[in-house]
Amino acid sequence: MICGAVFIPSTPLLIPVAASGAQGELHEIRESSVAALAAALRAEPDRVVIIGAGLVTETHRRGQGSLRGFGVPYDVVLDPRDTDTVPSRRRLPLALTVGAWLLGEVAWSGERLALEVAAMSSDDDLDAIGHALAADDDDETLLLVVADGSASRTEKAPAALHPDAEAFDAQLAVMLAGGDPQSLLGIDRDRSLAVTAAGRPAWRVAAAAMAGAAYTAELIATSSPYGVGYLVARWHR
């Protein structure tokens, strides 16, 4: 059973060692992300599943992520109980790396999985992944959904300025504040691509996994200091 979800951004700047001079701009989002996950874990779920976009669809039970691609010599182990010092064949994508870091920040010692979702998966495939995730009725599962909103809100954003980016993020904020999985399922693929919202695959999987249940929701923080939509929210049953 999916007992709840925490939604956080996938920016590497959430991790302080990567933020450097950007500590101030990300402080609220970082603190909100830590607080939201800590609050969700007080319900004592059986496991946490990190969901984030990547190159392929794969469930990771072990492995390592890294910020070296961003010029920061910093690695994150998915499970600190893993004593295997040999690096995994393929590193975790950024979203799962950020999620693993956050689990370390709140000192989660329980079971964790990292679900990488191929960014270009069809909606049918994303829905099937979510339904399979929800099929395990024996464990209470908390979803940690690591996903960004639009990346085109200003001229200096990672993607070219798009006139719909701010409205897209505003609608997403309403959805996350509402706690209705069906609304997240309605996020349009073409619109998401137009505003370069990389988080849609992860949101779709989470929404499919939580479909049919009612959640109490809280939108905790929103920000766009670099022209990218960052949102933090918590849903619980």
Protein backbone atom coordinates (compact mmCIF):
# COMPACT_ATOMS: atom_id res chain seq x y z
CA MET A 1 0.00 0.00 0.00
CA ILE A 2 1.22 3.49 -0.81
CA CYS A 3 0.95 5.34 2.49
CA GLY A 4 2.13 8.70 1.18
CA ALA A 5 4.54 10.64 -0.97
CA VAL A 6 7.07 13.41 -0.63
CA PHE A 7 7.77 15.54 -3.69
CA ILE A 8 11.14 17.33 -3.93
CA PRO A 9 13.26 18.91 -6.71
CA SER A 10 15.98 16.99 -8.53
CA THR A 11 18.55 19.77 -8.60
CA PRO A 12 22.10 18.86 -7.53
CA LEU A 13 22.14 22.19 -5.69
CA LEU A 14 19.91 20.62 -3.06
CA ILE A 15 23.10 18.94 -1.82
CA PRO A 16 25.10 21.61 0.06
CA VAL A 17 28.52 20.54 -1.21
CA ALA A 18 27.32 21.30 -4.74
CA ALA A 19 25.62 24.57 -3.88
CA SER A 20 28.74 26.62 -3.16
CA GLY A 21 27.68 30.27 -3.42
CA ALA A 22 24.03 29.31 -3.94
CA GLN A 23 23.40 28.31 -0.34
CA GLY A 24 21.03 31.21 0.32
CA GLU A 25 18.86 30.72 -2.76
CA LEU A 26 18.30 27.04 -2.03
CA HIS A 27 18.05 27.22 1.77
CA GLU A 28 14.24 27.20 1.98
CA ILE A 29 13.83 24.42 -0.59
CA ARG A 30 16.53 22.30 1.04
CA GLU A 31 15.19 22.74 4.57
CA SER A 32 11.64 22.13 3.38
CA SER A 33 12.67 18.91 1.62
CA VAL A 34 14.40 17.58 4.72
CA ALA A 35 11.47 18.55 6.96
CA ALA A 36 8.86 17.04 4.63
CA LEU A 37 10.64 13.69 4.45
CA ALA A 38 11.32 13.60 8.18
CA ALA A 39 7.63 14.27 8.87
CA ALA A 40 6.52 11.56 6.44
CA LEU A 41 8.85 9.00 8.01
CA ARG A 42 7.28 9.52 11.42
CA ALA A 43 4.44 7.34 10.11
CA GLU A 44 7.02 4.50 10.10
CA PRO A 45 6.57 3.08 6.58
CA ASP A 46 8.03 -0.32 5.79
CA ARG A 47 10.09 1.03 2.93
CA VAL A 48 10.88 4.12 0.89
CA VAL A 49 10.91 4.04 -2.91
CA ILE A 50 12.75 6.89 -4.63
CA ILE A 51 11.29 7.68 -8.06
CA GLY A 52 13.16 9.73 -10.64
CA ALA A 53 13.72 9.99 -14.37
CA GLY A 54 16.75 8.46 -16.04
CA LEU A 55 17.90 6.73 -19.21
CA VAL A 56 16.19 3.38 -18.66
CA THR A 57 13.54 1.84 -16.45
CA GLU A 58 15.27 -0.11 -13.73
CA THR A 59 14.88 -0.81 -10.02
CA HIS A 60 18.08 -0.26 -8.04
CA ARG A 61 18.55 -1.99 -4.70
CA ARG A 62 22.14 -0.90 -4.44
CA GLY A 63 24.46 1.42 -6.26
CA GLN A 64 26.10 4.80 -6.13
CA GLY A 65 25.35 8.22 -7.53
CA SER A 66 27.83 11.00 -8.10
CA LEU A 67 28.06 14.75 -8.61
CA ARG A 68 31.34 14.42 -10.49
CA GLY A 69 29.55 15.20 -13.73
CA PHE A 70 28.77 18.59 -12.24
CA GLY A 71 32.37 19.21 -11.28
CA VAL A 72 31.94 18.20 -7.63
CA PRO A 73 33.95 15.20 -6.33
CA TYR A 74 31.11 13.85 -4.21
CA ASP A 75 29.49 10.41 -4.27
CA VAL A 76 26.29 9.14 -2.66
CA VAL A 77 25.64 5.48 -1.81
CA LEU A 78 22.03 4.37 -2.17
CA ASP A 79 22.16 2.12 0.88
CA PRO A 80 24.81 2.88 3.54
CA ARG A 81 24.47 -0.71 4.76
CA ASP A 82 25.98 -1.87 1.46
CA THR A 83 29.55 -2.94 2.25
CA ASP A 84 30.50 -3.68 -1.35
CA THR A 85 33.20 -1.14 -2.22
CA VAL A 86 33.19 -2.01 -5.93
CA PRO A 87 31.27 0.69 -7.86
CA SER A 88 28.09 -0.50 -9.54
CA ARG A 89 28.15 -1.10 -13.28
CA ARG A 90 26.08 2.01 -13.96
CA ARG A 91 25.77 5.02 -11.68
CA LEU A 92 22.44 6.25 -10.38
CA PRO A 93 20.95 9.16 -12.33
CA LEU A 94 20.81 12.57 -10.71
CA ALA A 95 17.26 12.33 -9.36
CA LEU A 96 17.98 9.08 -7.53
CA THR A 97 21.28 10.49 -6.27
CA VAL A 98 19.47 13.46 -4.73
CA GLY A 99 16.89 11.14 -3.19
CA ALA A 100 19.55 8.88 -1.69
CA TRP A 101 21.32 11.93 -0.24
CA LEU A 102 18.09 13.11 1.38
CA LEU A 103 17.47 9.70 2.97
CA GLY A 104 20.93 10.01 4.49
CA GLU A 105 20.12 13.49 5.79
CA VAL A 106 17.13 12.19 7.74
CA ALA A 107 19.04 9.07 8.86
CA TRP A 108 16.54 6.60 7.37
CA SER A 109 17.81 3.15 8.29
CA GLY A 110 15.03 1.07 6.76
CA GLU A 111 14.52 -0.57 3.40
CA ARG A 112 14.90 1.62 0.34
CA LEU A 113 14.62 1.11 -3.41
CA ALA A 114 15.44 3.51 -6.21
CA LEU A 115 13.15 3.33 -9.23
CA GLU A 116 14.68 4.83 -12.36
CA VAL A 117 12.09 5.63 -15.00
CA ALA A 118 13.05 6.03 -18.66
CA ALA A 119 12.30 9.65 -19.46
CA MET A 120 10.71 8.93 -22.84
CA SER A 121 8.46 6.06 -21.69
CA SER A 122 4.92 6.02 -23.01
CA ASP A 123 2.10 6.92 -20.64
CA ASP A 124 0.89 3.31 -20.76
CA ASP A 125 4.32 2.12 -19.63
CA LEU A 126 4.51 4.74 -16.88
CA ASP A 127 1.07 3.77 -15.63
CA ALA A 128 2.02 0.09 -15.64
CA ILE A 129 5.12 0.85 -13.57
CA GLY A 130 3.02 2.73 -11.05
CA HIS A 131 0.37 0.02 -10.84
CA ALA A 132 3.04 -2.62 -10.26
CA LEU A 133 4.49 -0.48 -7.49
CA ALA A 134 1.11 -0.31 -5.77
CA ALA A 135 0.39 -4.02 -6.17
CA ASP A 136 2.35 -4.99 -3.06
CA ASP A 137 -0.33 -4.82 -0.35
CA ASP A 138 1.92 -6.26 2.34
CA ASP A 139 4.27 -3.30 2.75
CA GLU A 140 3.46 0.30 3.57
CA THR A 141 5.47 2.26 1.02
CA LEU A 142 6.41 5.92 1.07
CA LEU A 143 7.25 7.41 -2.31
CA LEU A 144 10.06 9.96 -2.55
CA VAL A 145 9.37 11.64 -5.89
CA VAL A 146 12.38 13.61 -7.13
CA ALA A 147 11.35 15.83 -10.02
CA ASP A 148 11.68 19.39 -11.33
CA GLY A 149 9.05 21.62 -12.86
CA SER A 150 9.70 23.80 -15.89
CA ALA A 151 13.25 24.79 -16.79
CA SER A 152 12.36 27.77 -18.97
CA ARG A 153 11.03 30.52 -16.71
CA THR A 154 13.68 33.16 -17.43
CA GLU A 155 16.20 34.11 -20.08
CA LYS A 156 18.95 32.60 -17.89
CA ALA A 157 17.14 29.31 -17.27
CA PRO A 158 18.69 26.04 -18.54
CA ALA A 159 16.18 25.98 -21.42
CA ALA A 160 15.00 28.84 -23.63
CA LEU A 161 12.42 31.15 -22.08
CA HIS A 162 8.91 29.82 -22.63
CA PRO A 163 5.81 31.97 -22.04
CA ASP A 164 3.86 29.06 -20.53
CA ALA A 165 6.50 27.99 -17.99
CA GLU A 166 5.29 30.06 -15.05
CA ALA A 167 1.66 29.04 -15.61
CA PHE A 168 2.69 25.39 -15.87
CA ASP A 169 4.45 25.52 -12.50
CA ALA A 170 1.52 27.38 -10.94
CA GLN A 171 -0.86 24.64 -12.09
CA LEU A 172 1.51 21.98 -10.81
CA ALA A 173 1.59 23.71 -7.42
CA VAL A 174 -2.21 23.57 -7.29
CA MET A 175 -2.12 19.86 -8.12
CA LEU A 176 0.44 19.09 -5.44
CA ALA A 177 -1.55 21.10 -2.91
CA GLY A 178 -4.72 19.20 -3.81
CA GLY A 179 -3.61 15.63 -3.11
CA ASP A 180 -5.53 14.14 -6.05
CA PRO A 181 -3.53 11.54 -8.02
CA GLN A 182 -5.94 11.87 -10.93
CA SER A 183 -4.93 15.49 -11.46
CA LEU A 184 -1.24 14.53 -11.72
CA LEU A 185 -2.19 11.93 -14.31
CA GLY A 186 -3.59 14.79 -16.35
CA ILE A 187 -0.29 16.62 -16.81
CA ASP A 188 0.06 16.98 -20.57
CA ARG A 189 3.14 15.40 -22.15
CA ASP A 190 3.50 17.92 -24.98
CA ARG A 191 3.11 20.88 -22.63
CA SER A 192 5.70 19.40 -20.27
CA LEU A 193 8.16 18.96 -23.12
CA ALA A 194 7.54 22.51 -24.32
CA VAL A 195 8.46 24.03 -20.94
CA THR A 196 11.21 21.41 -20.37
CA ALA A 197 9.62 19.95 -17.25
CA ALA A 198 11.76 16.86 -16.66
CA GLY A 199 9.70 15.68 -13.71
CA ARG A 200 6.66 14.43 -15.60
CA PRO A 201 7.66 10.72 -15.83
CA ALA A 202 8.21 10.51 -12.08
CA TRP A 203 4.95 12.34 -11.31
CA ARG A 204 3.05 10.05 -13.67
CA VAL A 205 4.40 6.88 -12.06
CA ALA A 206 3.64 8.19 -8.57
CA ALA A 207 0.13 9.24 -9.59
CA ALA A 208 -0.59 5.84 -11.11
CA ALA A 209 0.67 4.13 -7.96
CA MET A 210 -1.55 6.28 -5.75
CA ALA A 211 -4.62 6.28 -8.00
CA GLY A 212 -7.91 5.49 -6.31
CA ALA A 213 -6.87 6.61 -2.83
CA ALA A 214 -7.48 9.86 -0.98
CA TYR A 215 -4.57 11.86 0.40
CA THR A 216 -4.18 14.85 2.66
CA ALA A 217 -1.75 17.19 0.93
CA GLU A 218 0.44 20.09 1.89
CA LEU A 219 2.35 22.28 -0.55
CA ILE A 220 5.34 23.27 1.56
CA ALA A 221 7.55 25.40 -0.68
CA THR A 222 7.88 26.71 -4.23
CA SER A 223 10.80 28.56 -5.74
CA SER A 224 12.43 29.29 -9.09
CA PRO A 225 15.75 31.04 -8.35
CA TYR A 226 17.41 29.83 -11.55
CA GLY A 227 14.42 29.82 -13.85
CA VAL A 228 13.58 26.23 -12.86
CA GLY A 229 10.43 25.31 -10.98
CA TYR A 230 11.27 23.75 -7.60
CA LEU A 231 8.37 22.44 -5.52
CA VAL A 232 8.17 20.59 -2.22
CA ALA A 233 4.99 18.84 -1.08
CA ARG A 234 3.84 16.02 1.17
CA TRP A 235 0.86 13.68 0.76
CA HIS A 236 -0.31 11.21 3.38
CA ARG A 237 -3.30 8.86 3.69
